[in-house]
Amino acid sequence: MSMLTPPGMGGKYRITGDKYPRMRRPSGRRRIVLAVIASAAALGLIGWGTLQLIQVFTGGDKASAAGPAAGDCEPGQAAAARSSQEKPKPLPKPGQITVNVFNATPRGGLAKDTADELKKRGFAIGKVGNATKAFDKKVKGTGILLGARSATGTAIPVLGTQLAEAEPRTDDRKGGEVDLILGAKFKDLAKKEDADKALAKLAKPEPTSTKSDKKNC
């Protein structure tokens, strides 16, 4: 009987040899699989937590509650928003503009002839004569439109439809009169048909493009 056989046991229960049987440890594959699953779960929790922190600090909830982003708005909505904020000044009619016509050239009678034509086109005529020393024989271009700063977007562009190449300028005057100072290159006013078209286009500007609406929305 082997010394490994417990007392009272023999026969088929007898253990032979002088060493205990060695038990194998469980395979390590199971532990590897469990470790991989645990790591994936931890990474998922870390990513979710990071996303929540980003939304908190960047105000993601407020942005979503406020509405669509600036680039996602409809062109019509952008135009409506701009029209509600921007109210352009109504353009005066030619009869509401008093024009002083001054001749800065050596050619005689030029101011009177021009004033008469402007009167036929509906403009009110003020002073007519030679230009002052500040402009006499010093205007090299077609002419100068001189008025108050408040006339920049009203009377000056309306009068400019009659002489497209005239240079607009402003001074410190308080009145609404506009001076038309005829220069060395002046030959004649624009044709009445062309001036009427320019005036109509000025009164009804073309709508802004879709790209402009999307950028400004």
C-alpha atoms as a PDB file:
ATOM      1  CA  MET A   1       0.000   0.000   0.000  1.00  0.00           C
ATOM      2  CA  SER A   2       1.274   3.403  -0.865  1.00  0.00           C
ATOM      3  CA  MET A   3       1.803   5.948   1.824  1.00  0.00           C
ATOM      4  CA  LEU A   4      -0.649   8.202  -0.109  1.00  0.00           C
ATOM      5  CA  THR A   5      -3.545   5.759   0.410  1.00  0.00           C
ATOM      6  CA  PRO A   6      -5.786   6.892   3.322  1.00  0.00           C
ATOM      7  CA  PRO A   7      -6.088   4.359   6.147  1.00  0.00           C
ATOM      8  CA  GLY A   8      -8.851   1.771   5.646  1.00  0.00           C
ATOM      9  CA  MET A   9      -8.967   2.206   1.899  1.00  0.00           C
ATOM     10  CA  GLY A  10      -7.590  -0.266  -0.521  1.00  0.00           C
ATOM     11  CA  GLY A  11      -8.435  -2.135  -3.615  1.00  0.00           C
ATOM     12  CA  LYS A  12      -9.574   0.067  -6.397  1.00  0.00           C
ATOM     13  CA  TYR A  13      -9.277   3.112  -4.149  1.00  0.00           C
ATOM     14  CA  ARG A  14      -5.647   2.528  -3.491  1.00  0.00           C
ATOM     15  CA  ILE A  15      -3.388   5.310  -4.698  1.00  0.00           C
ATOM     16  CA  THR A  16      -0.148   4.193  -6.085  1.00  0.00           C
ATOM     17  CA  GLY A  17       2.975   6.250  -6.342  1.00  0.00           C
ATOM     18  CA  ASP A  18       4.546   8.726  -3.989  1.00  0.00           C
ATOM     19  CA  LYS A  19       3.141  12.089  -5.413  1.00  0.00           C
ATOM     20  CA  TYR A  20      -0.268  13.772  -5.198  1.00  0.00           C
ATOM     21  CA  PRO A  21      -2.049  14.398  -8.507  1.00  0.00           C
ATOM     22  CA  ARG A  22      -1.472  18.008  -9.715  1.00  0.00           C
ATOM     23  CA  MET A  23      -4.638  20.023 -10.396  1.00  0.00           C
ATOM     24  CA  ARG A  24      -4.532  22.377 -13.416  1.00  0.00           C
ATOM     25  CA  ARG A  25      -5.450  26.026 -12.953  1.00  0.00           C
ATOM     26  CA  PRO A  26      -8.340  27.431 -14.985  1.00  0.00           C
ATOM     27  CA  SER A  27      -7.418  28.738 -18.456  1.00  0.00           C
ATOM     28  CA  GLY A  28      -6.379  32.428 -18.706  1.00  0.00           C
ATOM     29  CA  ARG A  29      -8.564  33.132 -21.767  1.00  0.00           C
ATOM     30  CA  ARG A  30     -11.604  33.806 -19.621  1.00  0.00           C
ATOM     31  CA  ARG A  31      -9.752  36.399 -17.591  1.00  0.00           C
ATOM     32  CA  ILE A  32      -8.511  38.109 -20.779  1.00  0.00           C
ATOM     33  CA  VAL A  33     -12.039  38.332 -22.190  1.00  0.00           C
ATOM     34  CA  LEU A  34     -13.378  39.782 -18.946  1.00  0.00           C
ATOM     35  CA  ALA A  35     -10.560  42.328 -18.858  1.00  0.00           C
ATOM     36  CA  VAL A  36     -11.276  43.460 -22.434  1.00  0.00           C
ATOM     37  CA  ILE A  37     -14.991  43.889 -21.690  1.00  0.00           C
ATOM     38  CA  ALA A  38     -14.251  45.870 -18.548  1.00  0.00           C
ATOM     39  CA  SER A  39     -11.819  48.157 -20.431  1.00  0.00           C
ATOM     40  CA  ALA A  40     -14.348  48.853 -23.196  1.00  0.00           C
ATOM     41  CA  ALA A  41     -17.031  49.725 -20.654  1.00  0.00           C
ATOM     42  CA  ALA A  42     -14.652  52.075 -18.843  1.00  0.00           C
ATOM     43  CA  LEU A  43     -13.709  53.855 -22.081  1.00  0.00           C
ATOM     44  CA  GLY A  44     -17.384  54.264 -22.971  1.00  0.00           C
ATOM     45  CA  LEU A  45     -18.158  55.864 -19.624  1.00  0.00           C
ATOM     46  CA  ILE A  46     -15.170  58.213 -19.955  1.00  0.00           C
ATOM     47  CA  GLY A  47     -16.257  59.304 -23.451  1.00  0.00           C
ATOM     48  CA  TRP A  48     -19.856  59.935 -22.371  1.00  0.00           C
ATOM     49  CA  GLY A  49     -18.695  61.961 -19.397  1.00  0.00           C
ATOM     50  CA  THR A  50     -16.384  64.051 -21.583  1.00  0.00           C
ATOM     51  CA  LEU A  51     -19.242  64.810 -24.011  1.00  0.00           C
ATOM     52  CA  GLN A  52     -21.463  65.961 -21.152  1.00  0.00           C
ATOM     53  CA  LEU A  53     -18.741  68.299 -19.866  1.00  0.00           C
ATOM     54  CA  ILE A  54     -18.233  69.798 -23.335  1.00  0.00           C
ATOM     55  CA  GLN A  55     -21.955  70.520 -23.677  1.00  0.00           C
ATOM     56  CA  VAL A  56     -22.060  72.125 -20.239  1.00  0.00           C
ATOM     57  CA  PHE A  57     -19.113  74.455 -20.838  1.00  0.00           C
ATOM     58  CA  THR A  58     -20.015  75.359 -24.441  1.00  0.00           C
ATOM     59  CA  GLY A  59     -23.700  75.924 -23.772  1.00  0.00           C
ATOM     60  CA  GLY A  60     -24.887  73.304 -26.241  1.00  0.00           C
ATOM     61  CA  ASP A  61     -28.343  73.166 -24.698  1.00  0.00           C
ATOM     62  CA  LYS A  62     -28.828  76.925 -25.047  1.00  0.00           C
ATOM     63  CA  ALA A  63     -27.744  76.870 -28.686  1.00  0.00           C
ATOM     64  CA  SER A  64     -30.186  74.095 -29.515  1.00  0.00           C
ATOM     65  CA  ALA A  65     -32.996  75.874 -27.696  1.00  0.00           C
ATOM     66  CA  ALA A  66     -32.280  79.149 -29.508  1.00  0.00           C
ATOM     67  CA  GLY A  67     -33.006  77.660 -32.935  1.00  0.00           C
ATOM     68  CA  PRO A  68     -31.074  76.644 -36.074  1.00  0.00           C
ATOM     69  CA  ALA A  69     -27.519  77.751 -36.671  1.00  0.00           C
ATOM     70  CA  ALA A  70     -26.755  80.851 -38.714  1.00  0.00           C
ATOM     71  CA  GLY A  71     -25.866  78.836 -41.808  1.00  0.00           C
ATOM     72  CA  ASP A  72     -29.071  76.747 -41.641  1.00  0.00           C
ATOM     73  CA  CYS A  73     -31.628  79.540 -41.845  1.00  0.00           C
ATOM     74  CA  GLU A  74     -33.831  80.081 -44.876  1.00  0.00           C
ATOM     75  CA  PRO A  75     -32.976  82.940 -47.282  1.00  0.00           C
ATOM     76  CA  GLY A  76     -36.466  84.369 -46.844  1.00  0.00           C
ATOM     77  CA  GLN A  77     -36.048  84.481 -43.088  1.00  0.00           C
ATOM     78  CA  ALA A  78     -32.713  86.274 -43.470  1.00  0.00           C
ATOM     79  CA  ALA A  79     -34.221  88.891 -45.788  1.00  0.00           C
ATOM     80  CA  ALA A  80     -37.143  89.418 -43.412  1.00  0.00           C
ATOM     81  CA  ALA A  81     -34.771  89.842 -40.489  1.00  0.00           C
ATOM     82  CA  ARG A  82     -32.694  92.424 -42.358  1.00  0.00           C
ATOM     83  CA  SER A  83     -35.718  94.337 -43.607  1.00  0.00           C
ATOM     84  CA  SER A  84     -37.055  94.617 -40.077  1.00  0.00           C
ATOM     85  CA  GLN A  85     -33.745  96.029 -38.847  1.00  0.00           C
ATOM     86  CA  GLU A  86     -32.705  98.139 -41.847  1.00  0.00           C
ATOM     87  CA  LYS A  87     -35.139 100.834 -42.883  1.00  0.00           C
ATOM     88  CA  PRO A  88     -33.612 102.838 -45.741  1.00  0.00           C
ATOM     89  CA  LYS A  89     -34.508 106.480 -46.003  1.00  0.00           C
ATOM     90  CA  PRO A  90     -37.159 107.198 -48.666  1.00  0.00           C
ATOM     91  CA  LEU A  91     -35.677 108.912 -51.687  1.00  0.00           C
ATOM     92  CA  PRO A  92     -36.929 112.419 -52.431  1.00  0.00           C
ATOM     93  CA  LYS A  93     -38.626 113.154 -55.729  1.00  0.00           C
ATOM     94  CA  PRO A  94     -36.859 115.516 -58.166  1.00  0.00           C
ATOM     95  CA  GLY A  95     -39.359 118.289 -57.315  1.00  0.00           C
ATOM     96  CA  GLN A  96     -38.281 118.082 -53.668  1.00  0.00           C
ATOM     97  CA  ILE A  97     -34.628 118.771 -54.494  1.00  0.00           C
ATOM     98  CA  THR A  98     -33.373 122.312 -55.029  1.00  0.00           C
ATOM     99  CA  VAL A  99     -30.329 122.379 -57.298  1.00  0.00           C
ATOM    100  CA  ASN A 100     -27.842 125.231 -57.528  1.00  0.00           C
ATOM    101  CA  VAL A 101     -26.033 125.065 -60.874  1.00  0.00           C
ATOM    102  CA  PHE A 102     -22.562 126.607 -61.068  1.00  0.00           C
ATOM    103  CA  ASN A 103     -20.229 126.787 -64.052  1.00  0.00           C
ATOM    104  CA  ALA A 104     -16.559 126.114 -63.256  1.00  0.00           C
ATOM    105  CA  THR A 105     -15.503 126.217 -66.934  1.00  0.00           C
ATOM    106  CA  PRO A 106     -14.627 129.144 -69.220  1.00  0.00           C
ATOM    107  CA  ARG A 107     -17.588 128.332 -71.487  1.00  0.00           C
ATOM    108  CA  GLY A 108     -20.362 130.891 -71.186  1.00  0.00           C
ATOM    109  CA  GLY A 109     -24.043 130.056 -70.662  1.00  0.00           C
ATOM    110  CA  LEU A 110     -23.357 126.463 -69.593  1.00  0.00           C
ATOM    111  CA  ALA A 111     -24.939 126.793 -66.152  1.00  0.00           C
ATOM    112  CA  LYS A 112     -28.151 128.368 -67.487  1.00  0.00           C
ATOM    113  CA  ASP A 113     -28.669 125.756 -70.205  1.00  0.00           C
ATOM    114  CA  THR A 114     -28.098 122.929 -67.721  1.00  0.00           C
ATOM    115  CA  ALA A 115     -30.445 124.487 -65.165  1.00  0.00           C
ATOM    116  CA  ASP A 116     -33.181 124.841 -67.787  1.00  0.00           C
ATOM    117  CA  GLU A 117     -32.887 121.161 -68.697  1.00  0.00           C
ATOM    118  CA  LEU A 118     -32.987 120.087 -65.053  1.00  0.00           C
ATOM    119  CA  LYS A 119     -36.099 122.192 -64.574  1.00  0.00           C
ATOM    120  CA  LYS A 120     -37.768 120.370 -67.481  1.00  0.00           C
ATOM    121  CA  ARG A 121     -36.955 117.082 -65.737  1.00  0.00           C
ATOM    122  CA  GLY A 122     -38.767 118.146 -62.593  1.00  0.00           C
ATOM    123  CA  PHE A 123     -35.988 119.516 -60.378  1.00  0.00           C
ATOM    124  CA  ALA A 124     -36.366 122.763 -58.459  1.00  0.00           C
ATOM    125  CA  ILE A 125     -33.717 125.304 -59.450  1.00  0.00           C
ATOM    126  CA  GLY A 126     -32.005 127.633 -57.001  1.00  0.00           C
ATOM    127  CA  LYS A 127     -28.956 129.737 -57.812  1.00  0.00           C
ATOM    128  CA  VAL A 128     -27.430 129.742 -61.288  1.00  0.00           C
ATOM    129  CA  GLY A 129     -24.061 131.313 -62.139  1.00  0.00           C
ATOM    130  CA  ASN A 130     -20.315 130.947 -62.085  1.00  0.00           C
ATOM    131  CA  ALA A 131     -18.539 128.762 -59.522  1.00  0.00           C
ATOM    132  CA  THR A 132     -16.720 130.285 -56.573  1.00  0.00           C
ATOM    133  CA  LYS A 133     -12.937 130.681 -56.526  1.00  0.00           C
ATOM    134  CA  ALA A 134     -12.595 127.403 -54.656  1.00  0.00           C
ATOM    135  CA  PHE A 135     -13.881 125.555 -57.736  1.00  0.00           C
ATOM    136  CA  ASP A 136     -13.576 127.951 -60.698  1.00  0.00           C
ATOM    137  CA  LYS A 137     -11.489 126.266 -63.423  1.00  0.00           C
ATOM    138  CA  LYS A 138     -10.352 123.672 -60.849  1.00  0.00           C
ATOM    139  CA  VAL A 139     -12.856 120.893 -61.564  1.00  0.00           C
ATOM    140  CA  LYS A 140     -11.117 118.650 -64.056  1.00  0.00           C
ATOM    141  CA  GLY A 141     -13.811 115.995 -64.227  1.00  0.00           C
ATOM    142  CA  THR A 142     -17.381 116.095 -65.459  1.00  0.00           C
ATOM    143  CA  GLY A 143     -18.741 117.780 -62.370  1.00  0.00           C
ATOM    144  CA  ILE A 144     -19.213 117.752 -58.606  1.00  0.00           C
ATOM    145  CA  LEU A 145     -22.383 117.119 -56.599  1.00  0.00           C
ATOM    146  CA  LEU A 146     -21.985 119.021 -53.341  1.00  0.00           C
ATOM    147  CA  GLY A 147     -24.455 118.776 -50.470  1.00  0.00           C
ATOM    148  CA  ALA A 148     -24.922 118.169 -46.771  1.00  0.00           C
ATOM    149  CA  ARG A 149     -23.872 114.879 -45.178  1.00  0.00           C
ATOM    150  CA  SER A 150     -27.520 114.009 -44.702  1.00  0.00           C
ATOM    151  CA  ALA A 151     -27.986 114.141 -48.494  1.00  0.00           C
ATOM    152  CA  THR A 152     -25.451 111.371 -49.125  1.00  0.00           C
ATOM    153  CA  GLY A 153     -28.084 108.664 -49.466  1.00  0.00           C
ATOM    154  CA  THR A 154     -30.985 110.843 -50.622  1.00  0.00           C
ATOM    155  CA  ALA A 155     -30.738 114.007 -52.741  1.00  0.00           C
ATOM    156  CA  ILE A 156     -27.191 113.526 -54.033  1.00  0.00           C
ATOM    157  CA  PRO A 157     -27.748 110.085 -55.637  1.00  0.00           C
ATOM    158  CA  VAL A 158     -31.071 111.230 -57.101  1.00  0.00           C
ATOM    159  CA  LEU A 159     -29.389 114.185 -58.789  1.00  0.00           C
ATOM    160  CA  GLY A 160     -26.504 111.882 -59.742  1.00  0.00           C
ATOM    161  CA  THR A 161     -28.819 109.953 -62.068  1.00  0.00           C
ATOM    162  CA  GLN A 162     -28.775 113.010 -64.362  1.00  0.00           C
ATOM    163  CA  LEU A 163     -24.983 113.099 -64.534  1.00  0.00           C
ATOM    164  CA  ALA A 164     -23.584 109.658 -63.709  1.00  0.00           C
ATOM    165  CA  GLU A 165     -19.918 110.652 -63.830  1.00  0.00           C
ATOM    166  CA  ALA A 166     -20.235 113.526 -61.365  1.00  0.00           C
ATOM    167  CA  GLU A 167     -18.246 113.235 -58.130  1.00  0.00           C
ATOM    168  CA  PRO A 168     -20.343 113.297 -54.919  1.00  0.00           C
ATOM    169  CA  ARG A 169     -19.015 115.411 -52.044  1.00  0.00           C
ATOM    170  CA  THR A 170     -20.319 116.775 -48.751  1.00  0.00           C
ATOM    171  CA  ASP A 171     -19.720 119.876 -46.671  1.00  0.00           C
ATOM    172  CA  ASP A 172     -20.982 121.384 -43.403  1.00  0.00           C
ATOM    173  CA  ARG A 173     -24.081 123.043 -44.815  1.00  0.00           C
ATOM    174  CA  LYS A 174     -27.360 122.692 -42.935  1.00  0.00           C
ATOM    175  CA  GLY A 175     -29.821 123.156 -45.790  1.00  0.00           C
ATOM    176  CA  GLY A 176     -31.043 120.508 -48.196  1.00  0.00           C
ATOM    177  CA  GLU A 177     -29.907 122.248 -51.395  1.00  0.00           C
ATOM    178  CA  VAL A 178     -27.423 120.468 -53.645  1.00  0.00           C
ATOM    179  CA  ASP A 179     -24.834 122.208 -55.811  1.00  0.00           C
ATOM    180  CA  LEU A 180     -24.095 120.934 -59.290  1.00  0.00           C
ATOM    181  CA  ILE A 181     -20.688 122.305 -60.244  1.00  0.00           C
ATOM    182  CA  LEU A 182     -19.930 121.723 -63.931  1.00  0.00           C
ATOM    183  CA  GLY A 183     -16.354 120.722 -64.708  1.00  0.00           C
ATOM    184  CA  ALA A 184     -13.995 120.802 -67.680  1.00  0.00           C
ATOM    185  CA  LYS A 185     -15.154 117.430 -69.106  1.00  0.00           C
ATOM    186  CA  PHE A 186     -18.847 118.256 -68.935  1.00  0.00           C
ATOM    187  CA  LYS A 187     -20.644 118.073 -72.274  1.00  0.00           C
ATOM    188  CA  ASP A 188     -24.288 117.459 -71.471  1.00  0.00           C
ATOM    189  CA  LEU A 189     -26.590 115.787 -68.978  1.00  0.00           C
ATOM    190  CA  ALA A 190     -27.411 112.103 -69.369  1.00  0.00           C
ATOM    191  CA  LYS A 191     -30.143 111.316 -71.866  1.00  0.00           C
ATOM    192  CA  LYS A 192     -33.549 111.593 -70.260  1.00  0.00           C
ATOM    193  CA  GLU A 193     -34.365 107.944 -71.020  1.00  0.00           C
ATOM    194  CA  ASP A 194     -31.155 106.748 -69.349  1.00  0.00           C
ATOM    195  CA  ALA A 195     -31.656 109.085 -66.406  1.00  0.00           C
ATOM    196  CA  ASP A 196     -35.217 107.836 -65.892  1.00  0.00           C
ATOM    197  CA  LYS A 197     -34.026 104.216 -65.903  1.00  0.00           C
ATOM    198  CA  ALA A 198     -31.283 105.004 -63.402  1.00  0.00           C
ATOM    199  CA  LEU A 199     -33.778 106.813 -61.167  1.00  0.00           C
ATOM    200  CA  ALA A 200     -36.218 103.874 -61.292  1.00  0.00           C
ATOM    201  CA  LYS A 201     -33.437 101.417 -60.452  1.00  0.00           C
ATOM    202  CA  LEU A 202     -32.343 103.625 -57.573  1.00  0.00           C
ATOM    203  CA  ALA A 203     -35.880 103.714 -56.174  1.00  0.00           C
ATOM    204  CA  LYS A 204     -36.274  99.923 -56.400  1.00  0.00           C
ATOM    205  CA  PRO A 205     -32.910  98.234 -55.817  1.00  0.00           C
ATOM    206  CA  GLU A 206     -32.472  94.600 -56.823  1.00  0.00           C
ATOM    207  CA  PRO A 207     -33.025  92.015 -54.049  1.00  0.00           C
ATOM    208  CA  THR A 208     -29.951  90.535 -52.411  1.00  0.00           C
ATOM    209  CA  SER A 209     -28.669  87.159 -53.555  1.00  0.00           C
ATOM    210  CA  THR A 210     -29.256  83.832 -51.765  1.00  0.00           C
ATOM    211  CA  LYS A 211     -25.605  83.584 -50.745  1.00  0.00           C
ATOM    212  CA  SER A 212     -25.751  86.982 -49.096  1.00  0.00           C
ATOM    213  CA  ASP A 213     -28.893  85.950 -47.217  1.00  0.00           C
ATOM    214  CA  LYS A 214     -27.253  82.824 -45.853  1.00  0.00           C
ATOM    215  CA  LYS A 215     -24.169  84.711 -44.675  1.00  0.00           C
ATOM    216  CA  ASN A 216     -26.122  87.429 -42.927  1.00  0.00           C
ATOM    217  CA  CYS A 217     -28.801  85.212 -41.396  1.00  0.00           C
END
